[in-house]
Amino acid sequence: YAEWAKGNFRAGGELFAPDARYETAAPGQKTPAFGPEGIEDRMREFLAQWSEFRIVAEAFEEFGDAVLVTERQHGIGKGSGVETEQTFYAVWVFRDGSVISARWDASRERVIQAAGLSD
């Protein structure tokens, strides 16, 4: 997240397991995506919409092998120049030190439920 806060979204890609799954409720996103290459392609598609985009982690909560991250996302639309900032929630599920699932949503409750976690 330290690199993502600077807009460097190449950081962390090596953490995804070969069978990793990526899902998001972000508008315009096609999901799910699978594996490091599929996830990288999906992120590249998403980031192409922004002239500037970064994610700052505000809080981390552990749920066994999963971590819920409260994020502040900031972006400037590439075509519109409109600046946006919102809170999003990500659930990262780990197995043997690798990410096997990454899921984002604007609703904390929805992302927890979709990931099969209990609050």
PDB file of N, CA and C in Angstrom:
ATOM      1  N   TYR A   1       0.820  -1.202   0.000  1.00  0.00           N
ATOM      2  CA  TYR A   1       0.000   0.000   0.000  1.00  0.00           C
ATOM      3  C   TYR A   1       0.860   1.260   0.000  1.00  0.00           C
ATOM      4  N   ALA A   2       2.061   1.203   0.515  1.00  0.00           N
ATOM      5  CA  ALA A   2       2.931   2.386   0.498  1.00  0.00           C
ATOM      6  C   ALA A   2       3.192   2.834  -0.934  1.00  0.00           C
ATOM      7  N   GLU A   3       3.409   1.886  -1.834  1.00  0.00           N
ATOM      8  CA  GLU A   3       3.639   2.232  -3.241  1.00  0.00           C
ATOM      9  C   GLU A   3       2.344   2.658  -3.926  1.00  0.00           C
ATOM     10  N   TRP A   4       1.242   2.011  -3.597  1.00  0.00           N
ATOM     11  CA  TRP A   4      -0.041   2.381  -4.198  1.00  0.00           C
ATOM     12  C   TRP A   4      -0.419   3.808  -3.807  1.00  0.00           C
ATOM     13  N   ALA A   5      -0.028   4.240  -2.605  1.00  0.00           N
ATOM     14  CA  ALA A   5      -0.307   5.610  -2.171  1.00  0.00           C
ATOM     15  C   ALA A   5       0.430   6.623  -3.039  1.00  0.00           C
ATOM     16  N   LYS A   6       1.492   6.165  -3.720  1.00  0.00           N
ATOM     17  CA  LYS A   6       2.251   7.026  -4.640  1.00  0.00           C
ATOM     18  C   LYS A   6       1.797   6.835  -6.087  1.00  0.00           C
ATOM     19  N   GLY A   7       0.813   5.953  -6.306  1.00  0.00           N
ATOM     20  CA  GLY A   7       0.335   5.698  -7.658  1.00  0.00           C
ATOM     21  C   GLY A   7       1.090   4.608  -8.393  1.00  0.00           C
ATOM     22  N   ASN A   8       1.970   3.878  -7.688  1.00  0.00           N
ATOM     23  CA  ASN A   8       2.741   2.796  -8.308  1.00  0.00           C
ATOM     24  C   ASN A   8       1.997   1.472  -8.120  1.00  0.00           C
ATOM     25  N   PHE A   9       1.164   1.120  -9.112  1.00  0.00           N
ATOM     26  CA  PHE A   9       0.360  -0.095  -9.002  1.00  0.00           C
ATOM     27  C   PHE A   9       1.050  -1.324  -9.572  1.00  0.00           C
ATOM     28  N   ARG A  10       2.302  -1.192  -9.983  1.00  0.00           N
ATOM     29  CA  ARG A  10       3.086  -2.371 -10.373  1.00  0.00           C
ATOM     30  C   ARG A  10       3.555  -3.111  -9.115  1.00  0.00           C
ATOM     31  N   ALA A  11       3.626  -2.397  -8.017  1.00  0.00           N
ATOM     32  CA  ALA A  11       4.082  -2.989  -6.755  1.00  0.00           C
ATOM     33  C   ALA A  11       3.071  -4.012  -6.251  1.00  0.00           C
ATOM     34  N   GLY A  12       3.573  -5.139  -5.794  1.00  0.00           N
ATOM     35  CA  GLY A  12       2.739  -6.154  -5.165  1.00  0.00           C
ATOM     36  C   GLY A  12       2.225  -7.245  -6.078  1.00  0.00           C
ATOM     37  N   GLY A  13       2.387  -7.101  -7.374  1.00  0.00           N
ATOM     38  CA  GLY A  13       1.886  -8.102  -8.306  1.00  0.00           C
ATOM     39  C   GLY A  13       2.453  -9.486  -8.075  1.00  0.00           C
ATOM     40  N   GLU A  14       3.667  -9.533  -7.551  1.00  0.00           N
ATOM     41  CA  GLU A  14       4.320 -10.824  -7.306  1.00  0.00           C
ATOM     42  C   GLU A  14       3.677 -11.595  -6.155  1.00  0.00           C
ATOM     43  N   LEU A  15       2.797 -10.942  -5.396  1.00  0.00           N
ATOM     44  CA  LEU A  15       2.147 -11.600  -4.262  1.00  0.00           C
ATOM     45  C   LEU A  15       0.976 -12.488  -4.672  1.00  0.00           C
ATOM     46  N   PHE A  16       0.465 -12.315  -5.903  1.00  0.00           N
ATOM     47  CA  PHE A  16      -0.704 -13.082  -6.334  1.00  0.00           C
ATOM     48  C   PHE A  16      -0.334 -14.520  -6.685  1.00  0.00           C
ATOM     49  N   ALA A  17      -1.091 -15.465  -6.136  1.00  0.00           N
ATOM     50  CA  ALA A  17      -0.920 -16.885  -6.451  1.00  0.00           C
ATOM     51  C   ALA A  17      -1.353 -17.127  -7.900  1.00  0.00           C
ATOM     52  N   PRO A  18      -0.862 -18.197  -8.522  1.00  0.00           N
ATOM     53  CA  PRO A  18      -1.249 -18.502  -9.905  1.00  0.00           C
ATOM     54  C   PRO A  18      -2.758 -18.629 -10.094  1.00  0.00           C
ATOM     55  N   ASP A  19      -3.484 -19.051  -9.038  1.00  0.00           N
ATOM     56  CA  ASP A  19      -4.935 -19.221  -9.135  1.00  0.00           C
ATOM     57  C   ASP A  19      -5.704 -18.094  -8.436  1.00  0.00           C
ATOM     58  N   ALA A  20      -5.065 -16.959  -8.222  1.00  0.00           N
ATOM     59  CA  ALA A  20      -5.698 -15.840  -7.517  1.00  0.00           C
ATOM     60  C   ALA A  20      -6.932 -15.351  -8.266  1.00  0.00           C
ATOM     61  N   ARG A  21      -7.888 -14.843  -7.495  1.00  0.00           N
ATOM     62  CA  ARG A  21      -9.143 -14.311  -8.034  1.00  0.00           C
ATOM     63  C   ARG A  21      -9.261 -12.849  -7.599  1.00  0.00           C
ATOM     64  N   TYR A  22      -9.669 -11.975  -8.532  1.00  0.00           N
ATOM     65  CA  TYR A  22      -9.827 -10.534  -8.287  1.00  0.00           C
ATOM     66  C   TYR A  22     -11.260 -10.155  -8.631  1.00  0.00           C
ATOM     67  N   GLU A  23     -11.915  -9.438  -7.718  1.00  0.00           N
ATOM     68  CA  GLU A  23     -13.273  -8.960  -7.972  1.00  0.00           C
ATOM     69  C   GLU A  23     -13.427  -7.562  -7.396  1.00  0.00           C
ATOM     70  N   THR A  24     -14.251  -6.773  -8.056  1.00  0.00           N
ATOM     71  CA  THR A  24     -14.537  -5.438  -7.550  1.00  0.00           C
ATOM     72  C   THR A  24     -15.944  -5.021  -7.938  1.00  0.00           C
ATOM     73  N   ALA A  25     -16.519  -4.164  -7.120  1.00  0.00           N
ATOM     74  CA  ALA A  25     -17.823  -3.593  -7.414  1.00  0.00           C
ATOM     75  C   ALA A  25     -17.667  -2.201  -8.011  1.00  0.00           C
ATOM     76  N   ALA A  26     -16.466  -1.842  -8.426  1.00  0.00           N
ATOM     77  CA  ALA A  26     -16.223  -0.516  -9.014  1.00  0.00           C
ATOM     78  C   ALA A  26     -16.987  -0.389 -10.331  1.00  0.00           C
ATOM     79  N   PRO A  27     -17.607   0.765 -10.578  1.00  0.00           N
ATOM     80  CA  PRO A  27     -18.348   0.965 -11.822  1.00  0.00           C
ATOM     81  C   PRO A  27     -17.463   0.742 -13.046  1.00  0.00           C
ATOM     82  N   GLY A  28     -18.012   0.044 -14.032  1.00  0.00           N
ATOM     83  CA  GLY A  28     -17.293  -0.158 -15.282  1.00  0.00           C
ATOM     84  C   GLY A  28     -16.272  -1.270 -15.260  1.00  0.00           C
ATOM     85  N   GLN A  29     -16.108  -1.937 -14.136  1.00  0.00           N
ATOM     86  CA  GLN A  29     -15.121  -3.015 -14.036  1.00  0.00           C
ATOM     87  C   GLN A  29     -15.760  -4.347 -14.394  1.00  0.00           C
ATOM     88  N   LYS A  30     -15.099  -5.087 -15.263  1.00  0.00           N
ATOM     89  CA  LYS A  30     -15.515  -6.448 -15.574  1.00  0.00           C
ATOM     90  C   LYS A  30     -14.792  -7.357 -14.589  1.00  0.00           C
ATOM     91  N   THR A  31     -15.554  -8.145 -13.876  1.00  0.00           N
ATOM     92  CA  THR A  31     -14.912  -9.065 -12.950  1.00  0.00           C
ATOM     93  C   THR A  31     -15.646 -10.383 -12.994  1.00  0.00           C
ATOM     94  N   PRO A  32     -15.089 -11.439 -12.513  1.00  0.00           N
ATOM     95  CA  PRO A  32     -13.775 -11.521 -11.894  1.00  0.00           C
ATOM     96  C   PRO A  32     -12.652 -11.660 -12.922  1.00  0.00           C
ATOM     97  N   ALA A  33     -11.438 -11.529 -12.424  1.00  0.00           N
ATOM     98  CA  ALA A  33     -10.229 -11.795 -13.211  1.00  0.00           C
ATOM     99  C   ALA A  33      -9.449 -12.858 -12.451  1.00  0.00           C
ATOM    100  N   PHE A  34      -8.682 -13.666 -13.185  1.00  0.00           N
ATOM    101  CA  PHE A  34      -7.978 -14.779 -12.558  1.00  0.00           C
ATOM    102  C   PHE A  34      -6.499 -14.764 -12.897  1.00  0.00           C
ATOM    103  N   GLY A  35      -5.682 -15.143 -11.912  1.00  0.00           N
ATOM    104  CA  GLY A  35      -4.239 -15.260 -12.099  1.00  0.00           C
ATOM    105  C   GLY A  35      -3.557 -13.916 -12.212  1.00  0.00           C
ATOM    106  N   PRO A  36      -2.257 -13.893 -11.966  1.00  0.00           N
ATOM    107  CA  PRO A  36      -1.509 -12.630 -11.996  1.00  0.00           C
ATOM    108  C   PRO A  36      -1.648 -11.857 -13.308  1.00  0.00           C
ATOM    109  N   GLU A  37      -1.613 -12.539 -14.447  1.00  0.00           N
ATOM    110  CA  GLU A  37      -1.720 -11.834 -15.734  1.00  0.00           C
ATOM    111  C   GLU A  37      -3.113 -11.259 -15.938  1.00  0.00           C
ATOM    112  N   GLY A  38      -4.150 -12.025 -15.611  1.00  0.00           N
ATOM    113  CA  GLY A  38      -5.516 -11.530 -15.740  1.00  0.00           C
ATOM    114  C   GLY A  38      -5.773 -10.344 -14.833  1.00  0.00           C
ATOM    115  N   ILE A  39      -5.239 -10.410 -13.628  1.00  0.00           N
ATOM    116  CA  ILE A  39      -5.408  -9.317 -12.671  1.00  0.00           C
ATOM    117  C   ILE A  39      -4.653  -8.080 -13.149  1.00  0.00           C
ATOM    118  N   GLU A  40      -3.449  -8.269 -13.648  1.00  0.00           N
ATOM    119  CA  GLU A  40      -2.672  -7.140 -14.171  1.00  0.00           C
ATOM    120  C   GLU A  40      -3.396  -6.486 -15.351  1.00  0.00           C
ATOM    121  N   ASP A  41      -3.958  -7.286 -16.246  1.00  0.00           N
ATOM    122  CA  ASP A  41      -4.713  -6.739 -17.383  1.00  0.00           C
ATOM    123  C   ASP A  41      -5.909  -5.927 -16.902  1.00  0.00           C
ATOM    124  N   ARG A  42      -6.633  -6.451 -15.912  1.00  0.00           N
ATOM    125  CA  ARG A  42      -7.812  -5.759 -15.389  1.00  0.00           C
ATOM    126  C   ARG A  42      -7.428  -4.448 -14.722  1.00  0.00           C
ATOM    127  N   MET A  43      -6.339  -4.458 -13.969  1.00  0.00           N
ATOM    128  CA  MET A  43      -5.863  -3.228 -13.326  1.00  0.00           C
ATOM    129  C   MET A  43      -5.431  -2.203 -14.369  1.00  0.00           C
ATOM    130  N   ARG A  44      -4.770  -2.660 -15.412  1.00  0.00           N
ATOM    131  CA  ARG A  44      -4.328  -1.757 -16.477  1.00  0.00           C
ATOM    132  C   ARG A  44      -5.544  -1.108 -17.153  1.00  0.00           C
ATOM    133  N   GLU A  45      -6.599  -1.894 -17.409  1.00  0.00           N
ATOM    134  CA  GLU A  45      -7.833  -1.354 -17.994  1.00  0.00           C
ATOM    135  C   GLU A  45      -8.434  -0.286 -17.080  1.00  0.00           C
ATOM    136  N   PHE A  46      -8.485  -0.584 -15.788  1.00  0.00           N
ATOM    137  CA  PHE A  46      -9.050   0.359 -14.829  1.00  0.00           C
ATOM    138  C   PHE A  46      -8.220   1.639 -14.757  1.00  0.00           C
ATOM    139  N   LEU A  47      -6.913   1.496 -14.633  1.00  0.00           N
ATOM    140  CA  LEU A  47      -6.037   2.661 -14.478  1.00  0.00           C
ATOM    141  C   LEU A  47      -5.988   3.526 -15.733  1.00  0.00           C
ATOM    142  N   ALA A  48      -6.297   2.959 -16.893  1.00  0.00           N
ATOM    143  CA  ALA A  48      -6.299   3.726 -18.145  1.00  0.00           C
ATOM    144  C   ALA A  48      -7.353   4.830 -18.135  1.00  0.00           C
ATOM    145  N   GLN A  49      -8.333   4.738 -17.246  1.00  0.00           N
ATOM    146  CA  GLN A  49      -9.394   5.739 -17.148  1.00  0.00           C
ATOM    147  C   GLN A  49      -8.969   6.983 -16.363  1.00  0.00           C
ATOM    148  N   TRP A  50      -7.806   6.932 -15.750  1.00  0.00           N
ATOM    149  CA  TRP A  50      -7.380   7.976 -14.822  1.00  0.00           C
ATOM    150  C   TRP A  50      -6.068   8.609 -15.258  1.00  0.00           C
ATOM    151  N   SER A  51      -5.987   9.942 -15.135  1.00  0.00           N
ATOM    152  CA  SER A  51      -4.700  10.602 -15.356  1.00  0.00           C
ATOM    153  C   SER A  51      -3.858  10.510 -14.088  1.00  0.00           C
ATOM    154  N   GLU A  52      -4.532  10.362 -12.964  1.00  0.00           N
ATOM    155  CA  GLU A  52      -3.856  10.159 -11.676  1.00  0.00           C
ATOM    156  C   GLU A  52      -4.757   9.299 -10.812  1.00  0.00           C
ATOM    157  N   PHE A  53      -4.184   8.320 -10.139  1.00  0.00           N
ATOM    158  CA  PHE A  53      -4.965   7.470  -9.242  1.00  0.00           C
ATOM    159  C   PHE A  53      -4.040   6.937  -8.158  1.00  0.00           C
ATOM    160  N   ARG A  54      -4.536   6.919  -6.932  1.00  0.00           N
ATOM    161  CA  ARG A  54      -3.758   6.349  -5.833  1.00  0.00           C
ATOM    162  C   ARG A  54      -4.713   5.819  -4.764  1.00  0.00           C
ATOM    163  N   ILE A  55      -4.200   4.901  -3.986  1.00  0.00           N
ATOM    164  CA  ILE A  55      -4.970   4.288  -2.903  1.00  0.00           C
ATOM    165  C   ILE A  55      -4.143   4.370  -1.627  1.00  0.00           C
ATOM    166  N   VAL A  56      -4.744   4.922  -0.587  1.00  0.00           N
ATOM    167  CA  VAL A  56      -4.087   5.032   0.714  1.00  0.00           C
ATOM    168  C   VAL A  56      -4.826   4.126   1.691  1.00  0.00           C
ATOM    169  N   ALA A  57      -4.098   3.234   2.351  1.00  0.00           N
ATOM    170  CA  ALA A  57      -4.686   2.365   3.369  1.00  0.00           C
ATOM    171  C   ALA A  57      -4.869   3.169   4.647  1.00  0.00           C
ATOM    172  N   GLU A  58      -6.091   3.118   5.193  1.00  0.00           N
ATOM    173  CA  GLU A  58      -6.385   3.841   6.428  1.00  0.00           C
ATOM    174  C   GLU A  58      -6.450   2.925   7.648  1.00  0.00           C
ATOM    175  N   ALA A  59      -6.850   1.664   7.439  1.00  0.00           N
ATOM    176  CA  ALA A  59      -6.964   0.727   8.564  1.00  0.00           C
ATOM    177  C   ALA A  59      -6.866  -0.704   8.055  1.00  0.00           C
ATOM    178  N   PHE A  60      -6.336  -1.579   8.907  1.00  0.00           N
ATOM    179  CA  PHE A  60      -6.207  -3.004   8.606  1.00  0.00           C
ATOM    180  C   PHE A  60      -6.876  -3.794   9.730  1.00  0.00           C
ATOM    181  N   GLU A  61      -7.720  -4.772   9.366  1.00  0.00           N
ATOM    182  CA  GLU A  61      -8.362  -5.655  10.343  1.00  0.00           C
ATOM    183  C   GLU A  61      -8.105  -7.097   9.918  1.00  0.00           C
ATOM    184  N   GLU A  62      -7.606  -7.908  10.849  1.00  0.00           N
ATOM    185  CA  GLU A  62      -7.326  -9.315  10.540  1.00  0.00           C
ATOM    186  C   GLU A  62      -8.558 -10.178  10.777  1.00  0.00           C
ATOM    187  N   PHE A  63      -8.778 -11.111   9.864  1.00  0.00           N
ATOM    188  CA  PHE A  63      -9.834 -12.115   9.952  1.00  0.00           C
ATOM    189  C   PHE A  63      -9.200 -13.461   9.609  1.00  0.00           C
ATOM    190  N   GLY A  64      -8.406 -14.025  10.498  1.00  0.00           N
ATOM    191  CA  GLY A  64      -7.725 -15.288  10.205  1.00  0.00           C
ATOM    192  C   GLY A  64      -6.737 -15.114   9.063  1.00  0.00           C
ATOM    193  N   ASP A  65      -6.971 -15.821   7.943  1.00  0.00           N
ATOM    194  CA  ASP A  65      -6.094 -15.728   6.768  1.00  0.00           C
ATOM    195  C   ASP A  65      -6.446 -14.551   5.863  1.00  0.00           C
ATOM    196  N   ALA A  66      -7.378 -13.722   6.305  1.00  0.00           N
ATOM    197  CA  ALA A  66      -7.818 -12.584   5.493  1.00  0.00           C
ATOM    198  C   ALA A  66      -7.543 -11.272   6.222  1.00  0.00           C
ATOM    199  N   VAL A  67      -7.404 -10.215   5.435  1.00  0.00           N
ATOM    200  CA  VAL A  67      -7.219  -8.867   5.973  1.00  0.00           C
ATOM    201  C   VAL A  67      -8.209  -7.947   5.275  1.00  0.00           C
ATOM    202  N   LEU A  68      -8.971  -7.199   6.076  1.00  0.00           N
ATOM    203  CA  LEU A  68      -9.875  -6.177   5.552  1.00  0.00           C
ATOM    204  C   LEU A  68      -9.143  -4.848   5.632  1.00  0.00           C
ATOM    205  N   VAL A  69      -9.038  -4.162   4.504  1.00  0.00           N
ATOM    206  CA  VAL A  69      -8.352  -2.873   4.455  1.00  0.00           C
ATOM    207  C   VAL A  69      -9.366  -1.788   4.127  1.00  0.00           C
ATOM    208  N   THR A  70      -9.410  -0.763   4.964  1.00  0.00           N
ATOM    209  CA  THR A  70     -10.197   0.425   4.655  1.00  0.00           C
ATOM    210  C   THR A  70      -9.285   1.341   3.864  1.00  0.00           C
ATOM    211  N   GLU A  71      -9.734   1.714   2.669  1.00  0.00           N
ATOM    212  CA  GLU A  71      -8.900   2.491   1.746  1.00  0.00           C
ATOM    213  C   GLU A  71      -9.541   3.837   1.433  1.00  0.00           C
ATOM    214  N   ARG A  72      -8.697   4.794   1.155  1.00  0.00           N
ATOM    215  CA  ARG A  72      -9.140   6.075   0.605  1.00  0.00           C
ATOM    216  C   ARG A  72      -8.594   6.112  -0.810  1.00  0.00           C
ATOM    217  N   GLN A  73      -9.498   6.129  -1.797  1.00  0.00           N
ATOM    218  CA  GLN A  73      -9.094   6.145  -3.202  1.00  0.00           C
ATOM    219  C   GLN A  73      -9.275   7.549  -3.760  1.00  0.00           C
ATOM    220  N   HIS A  74      -8.252   8.022  -4.458  1.00  0.00           N
ATOM    221  CA  HIS A  74      -8.259   9.360  -5.037  1.00  0.00           C
ATOM    222  C   HIS A  74      -7.876   9.250  -6.500  1.00  0.00           C
ATOM    223  N   GLY A  75      -8.664   9.902  -7.358  1.00  0.00           N
ATOM    224  CA  GLY A  75      -8.336   9.862  -8.774  1.00  0.00           C
ATOM    225  C   GLY A  75      -8.775  11.110  -9.503  1.00  0.00           C
ATOM    226  N   ILE A  76      -8.160  11.322 -10.664  1.00  0.00           N
ATOM    227  CA  ILE A  76      -8.545  12.397 -11.578  1.00  0.00           C
ATOM    228  C   ILE A  76      -8.841  11.730 -12.912  1.00  0.00           C
ATOM    229  N   GLY A  77     -10.090  11.884 -13.368  1.00  0.00           N
ATOM    230  CA  GLY A  77     -10.514  11.257 -14.614  1.00  0.00           C
ATOM    231  C   GLY A  77      -9.697  11.740 -15.796  1.00  0.00           C
ATOM    232  N   LYS A  78      -9.281  10.792 -16.643  1.00  0.00           N
ATOM    233  CA  LYS A  78      -8.426  11.126 -17.781  1.00  0.00           C
ATOM    234  C   LYS A  78      -9.141  12.034 -18.773  1.00  0.00           C
ATOM    235  N   GLY A  79     -10.350  11.708 -19.154  1.00  0.00           N
ATOM    236  CA  GLY A  79     -11.059  12.510 -20.144  1.00  0.00           C
ATOM    237  C   GLY A  79     -11.731  13.737 -19.563  1.00  0.00           C
ATOM    238  N   SER A  80     -12.253  13.605 -18.353  1.00  0.00           N
ATOM    239  CA  SER A  80     -13.052  14.675 -17.756  1.00  0.00           C
ATOM    240  C   SER A  80     -12.253  15.654 -16.917  1.00  0.00           C
ATOM    241  N   GLY A  81     -11.161  15.192 -16.331  1.00  0.00           N
ATOM    242  CA  GLY A  81     -10.406  16.026 -15.403  1.00  0.00           C
ATOM    243  C   GLY A  81     -11.077  16.147 -14.050  1.00  0.00           C
ATOM    244  N   VAL A  82     -12.179  15.415 -13.859  1.00  0.00           N
ATOM    245  CA  VAL A  82     -12.912  15.471 -12.599  1.00  0.00           C
ATOM    246  C   VAL A  82     -12.130  14.717 -11.523  1.00  0.00           C
ATOM    247  N   GLU A  83     -12.011  15.365 -10.371  1.00  0.00           N
ATOM    248  CA  GLU A  83     -11.316  14.768  -9.239  1.00  0.00           C
ATOM    249  C   GLU A  83     -12.331  14.063  -8.349  1.00  0.00           C
ATOM    250  N   THR A  84     -11.999  12.869  -7.921  1.00  0.00           N
ATOM    251  CA  THR A  84     -12.897  12.098  -7.071  1.00  0.00           C
ATOM    252  C   THR A  84     -12.116  11.485  -5.918  1.00  0.00           C
ATOM    253  N   GLU A  85     -12.802  11.322  -4.797  1.00  0.00           N
ATOM    254  CA  GLU A  85     -12.191  10.677  -3.641  1.00  0.00           C
ATOM    255  C   GLU A  85     -13.289   9.921  -2.918  1.00  0.00           C
ATOM    256  N   GLN A  86     -13.009   8.673  -2.566  1.00  0.00           N
ATOM    257  CA  GLN A  86     -14.016   7.878  -1.871  1.00  0.00           C
ATOM    258  C   GLN A  86     -13.361   6.802  -1.024  1.00  0.00           C
ATOM    259  N   THR A  87     -14.139   6.305  -0.084  1.00  0.00           N
ATOM    260  CA  THR A  87     -13.692   5.195   0.743  1.00  0.00           C
ATOM    261  C   THR A  87     -14.112   3.898   0.072  1.00  0.00           C
ATOM    262  N   PHE A  88     -13.188   2.963   0.004  1.00  0.00           N
ATOM    263  CA  PHE A  88     -13.453   1.618  -0.510  1.00  0.00           C
ATOM    264  C   PHE A  88     -12.903   0.632   0.504  1.00  0.00           C
ATOM    265  N   TYR A  89     -13.363  -0.603   0.416  1.00  0.00           N
ATOM    266  CA  TYR A  89     -12.918  -1.656   1.326  1.00  0.00           C
ATOM    267  C   TYR A  89     -12.391  -2.815   0.497  1.00  0.00           C
ATOM    268  N   ALA A  90     -11.276  -3.379   0.906  1.00  0.00           N
ATOM    269  CA  ALA A  90     -10.680  -4.515   0.205  1.00  0.00           C
ATOM    270  C   ALA A  90     -10.478  -5.657   1.186  1.00  0.00           C
ATOM    271  N   VAL A  91     -10.809  -6.857   0.741  1.00  0.00           N
ATOM    272  CA  VAL A  91     -10.510  -8.059   1.517  1.00  0.00           C
ATOM    273  C   VAL A  91      -9.473  -8.850   0.742  1.00  0.00           C
ATOM    274  N   TRP A  92      -8.345  -9.073   1.381  1.00  0.00           N
ATOM    275  CA  TRP A  92      -7.242  -9.857   0.826  1.00  0.00           C
ATOM    276  C   TRP A  92      -7.206 -11.181   1.574  1.00  0.00           C
ATOM    277  N   VAL A  93      -7.257 -12.295   0.850  1.00  0.00           N
ATOM    278  CA  VAL A  93      -7.184 -13.618   1.470  1.00  0.00           C
ATOM    279  C   VAL A  93      -5.851 -14.246   1.068  1.00  0.00           C
ATOM    280  N   PHE A  94      -5.138 -14.763   2.062  1.00  0.00           N
ATOM    281  CA  PHE A  94      -3.794 -15.310   1.852  1.00  0.00           C
ATOM    282  C   PHE A  94      -3.761 -16.821   2.067  1.00  0.00           C
ATOM    283  N   ARG A  95      -2.879 -17.487   1.336  1.00  0.00           N
ATOM    284  CA  ARG A  95      -2.574 -18.901   1.532  1.00  0.00           C
ATOM    285  C   ARG A  95      -1.077 -19.059   1.294  1.00  0.00           C
ATOM    286  N   ASP A  96      -0.377 -19.586   2.268  1.00  0.00           N
ATOM    287  CA  ASP A  96       1.067 -19.824   2.142  1.00  0.00           C
ATOM    288  C   ASP A  96       1.830 -18.575   1.692  1.00  0.00           C
ATOM    289  N   GLY A  97       1.436 -17.413   2.213  1.00  0.00           N
ATOM    290  CA  GLY A  97       2.140 -16.172   1.911  1.00  0.00           C
ATOM    291  C   GLY A  97       1.770 -15.506   0.601  1.00  0.00           C
ATOM    292  N   SER A  98       0.830 -16.105  -0.146  1.00  0.00           N
ATOM    293  CA  SER A  98       0.402 -15.518  -1.425  1.00  0.00           C
ATOM    294  C   SER A  98      -1.064 -15.102  -1.347  1.00  0.00           C
ATOM    295  N   VAL A  99      -1.428 -14.115  -2.138  1.00  0.00           N
ATOM    296  CA  VAL A  99      -2.820 -13.668  -2.223  1.00  0.00           C
ATOM    297  C   VAL A  99      -3.578 -14.638  -3.119  1.00  0.00           C
ATOM    298  N   ILE A 100      -4.669 -15.215  -2.589  1.00  0.00           N
ATOM    299  CA  ILE A 100      -5.500 -16.096  -3.410  1.00  0.00           C
ATOM    300  C   ILE A 100      -6.811 -15.425  -3.798  1.00  0.00           C
ATOM    301  N   SER A 101      -7.154 -14.332  -3.113  1.00  0.00           N
ATOM    302  CA  SER A 101      -8.374 -13.601  -3.430  1.00  0.00           C
ATOM    303  C   SER A 101      -8.215 -12.148  -3.010  1.00  0.00           C
ATOM    304  N   ALA A 102      -8.663 -11.257  -3.889  1.00  0.00           N
ATOM    305  CA  ALA A 102      -8.692  -9.821  -3.583  1.00  0.00           C
ATOM    306  C   ALA A 102     -10.039  -9.303  -4.065  1.00  0.00           C
ATOM    307  N   ARG A 103     -10.770  -8.681  -3.169  1.00  0.00           N
ATOM    308  CA  ARG A 103     -12.135  -8.257  -3.479  1.00  0.00           C
ATOM    309  C   ARG A 103     -12.349  -6.835  -2.955  1.00  0.00           C
ATOM    310  N   TRP A 104     -12.917  -5.950  -3.804  1.00  0.00           N
ATOM    311  CA  TRP A 104     -13.161  -4.557  -3.431  1.00  0.00           C
ATOM    312  C   TRP A 104     -14.639  -4.229  -3.517  1.00  0.00           C
ATOM    313  N   ASP A 105     -15.080  -3.319  -2.631  1.00  0.00           N
ATOM    314  CA  ASP A 105     -16.458  -2.821  -2.671  1.00  0.00           C
ATOM    315  C   ASP A 105     -16.507  -1.504  -1.903  1.00  0.00           C
ATOM    316  N   ALA A 106     -17.466  -0.662  -2.249  1.00  0.00           N
ATOM    317  CA  ALA A 106     -17.667   0.594  -1.527  1.00  0.00           C
ATOM    318  C   ALA A 106     -18.391   0.352  -0.205  1.00  0.00           C
ATOM    319  N   SER A 107     -18.968  -0.837  -0.040  1.00  0.00           N
ATOM    320  CA  SER A 107     -19.683  -1.188   1.182  1.00  0.00           C
ATOM    321  C   SER A 107     -18.862  -2.173   2.011  1.00  0.00           C
ATOM    322  N   ARG A 108     -18.575  -1.788   3.231  1.00  0.00           N
ATOM    323  CA  ARG A 108     -17.828  -2.665   4.141  1.00  0.00           C
ATOM    324  C   ARG A 108     -18.597  -3.963   4.378  1.00  0.00           C
ATOM    325  N   GLU A 109     -19.892  -3.841   4.633  1.00  0.00           N
ATOM    326  CA  GLU A 109     -20.709  -5.010   4.919  1.00  0.00           C
ATOM    327  C   GLU A 109     -20.755  -5.967   3.731  1.00  0.00           C
ATOM    328  N   ARG A 110     -20.936  -5.416   2.522  1.00  0.00           N
ATOM    329  CA  ARG A 110     -21.005  -6.267   1.323  1.00  0.00           C
ATOM    330  C   ARG A 110     -19.707  -7.011   1.076  1.00  0.00           C
ATOM    331  N   VAL A 111     -18.569  -6.321   1.216  1.00  0.00           N
ATOM    332  CA  VAL A 111     -17.293  -6.982   0.928  1.00  0.00           C
ATOM    333  C   VAL A 111     -16.991  -8.063   1.967  1.00  0.00           C
ATOM    334  N   ILE A 112     -17.350  -7.820   3.212  1.00  0.00           N
ATOM    335  CA  ILE A 112     -17.167  -8.835   4.256  1.00  0.00           C
ATOM    336  C   ILE A 112     -18.042 -10.050   3.963  1.00  0.00           C
ATOM    337  N   GLN A 113     -19.303  -9.800   3.627  1.00  0.00           N
ATOM    338  CA  GLN A 113     -20.227 -10.897   3.327  1.00  0.00           C
ATOM    339  C   GLN A 113     -19.784 -11.663   2.079  1.00  0.00           C
ATOM    340  N   ALA A 114     -19.415 -10.953   1.021  1.00  0.00           N
ATOM    341  CA  ALA A 114     -19.002 -11.600  -0.231  1.00  0.00           C
ATOM    342  C   ALA A 114     -17.753 -12.454  -0.036  1.00  0.00           C
ATOM    343  N   ALA A 115     -16.884 -12.042   0.881  1.00  0.00           N
ATOM    344  CA  ALA A 115     -15.657 -12.797   1.147  1.00  0.00           C
ATOM    345  C   ALA A 115     -15.886 -13.952   2.121  1.00  0.00           C
ATOM    346  N   GLY A 116     -17.116 -14.051   2.642  1.00  0.00           N
ATOM    347  CA  GLY A 116     -17.425 -15.140   3.567  1.00  0.00           C
ATOM    348  C   GLY A 116     -16.871 -14.934   4.960  1.00  0.00           C
ATOM    349  N   LEU A 117     -16.629 -13.675   5.326  1.00  0.00           N
ATOM    350  CA  LEU A 117     -16.112 -13.359   6.658  1.00  0.00           C
ATOM    351  C   LEU A 117     -17.268 -12.935   7.545  1.00  0.00           C
ATOM    352  N   SER A 118     -17.063 -12.945   8.863  1.00  0.00           N
ATOM    353  CA  SER A 118     -18.076 -12.423   9.775  1.00  0.00           C
ATOM    354  C   SER A 118     -17.453 -11.320  10.604  1.00  0.00           C
ATOM    355  N   ASP A 119     -18.216 -10.267  10.783  1.00  0.00           N
ATOM    356  CA  ASP A 119     -17.745  -9.074  11.485  1.00  0.00           C
ATOM    357  C   ASP A 119     -17.741  -9.274  12.985  1.00  0.00           C
TER     358      ASP A 119
END
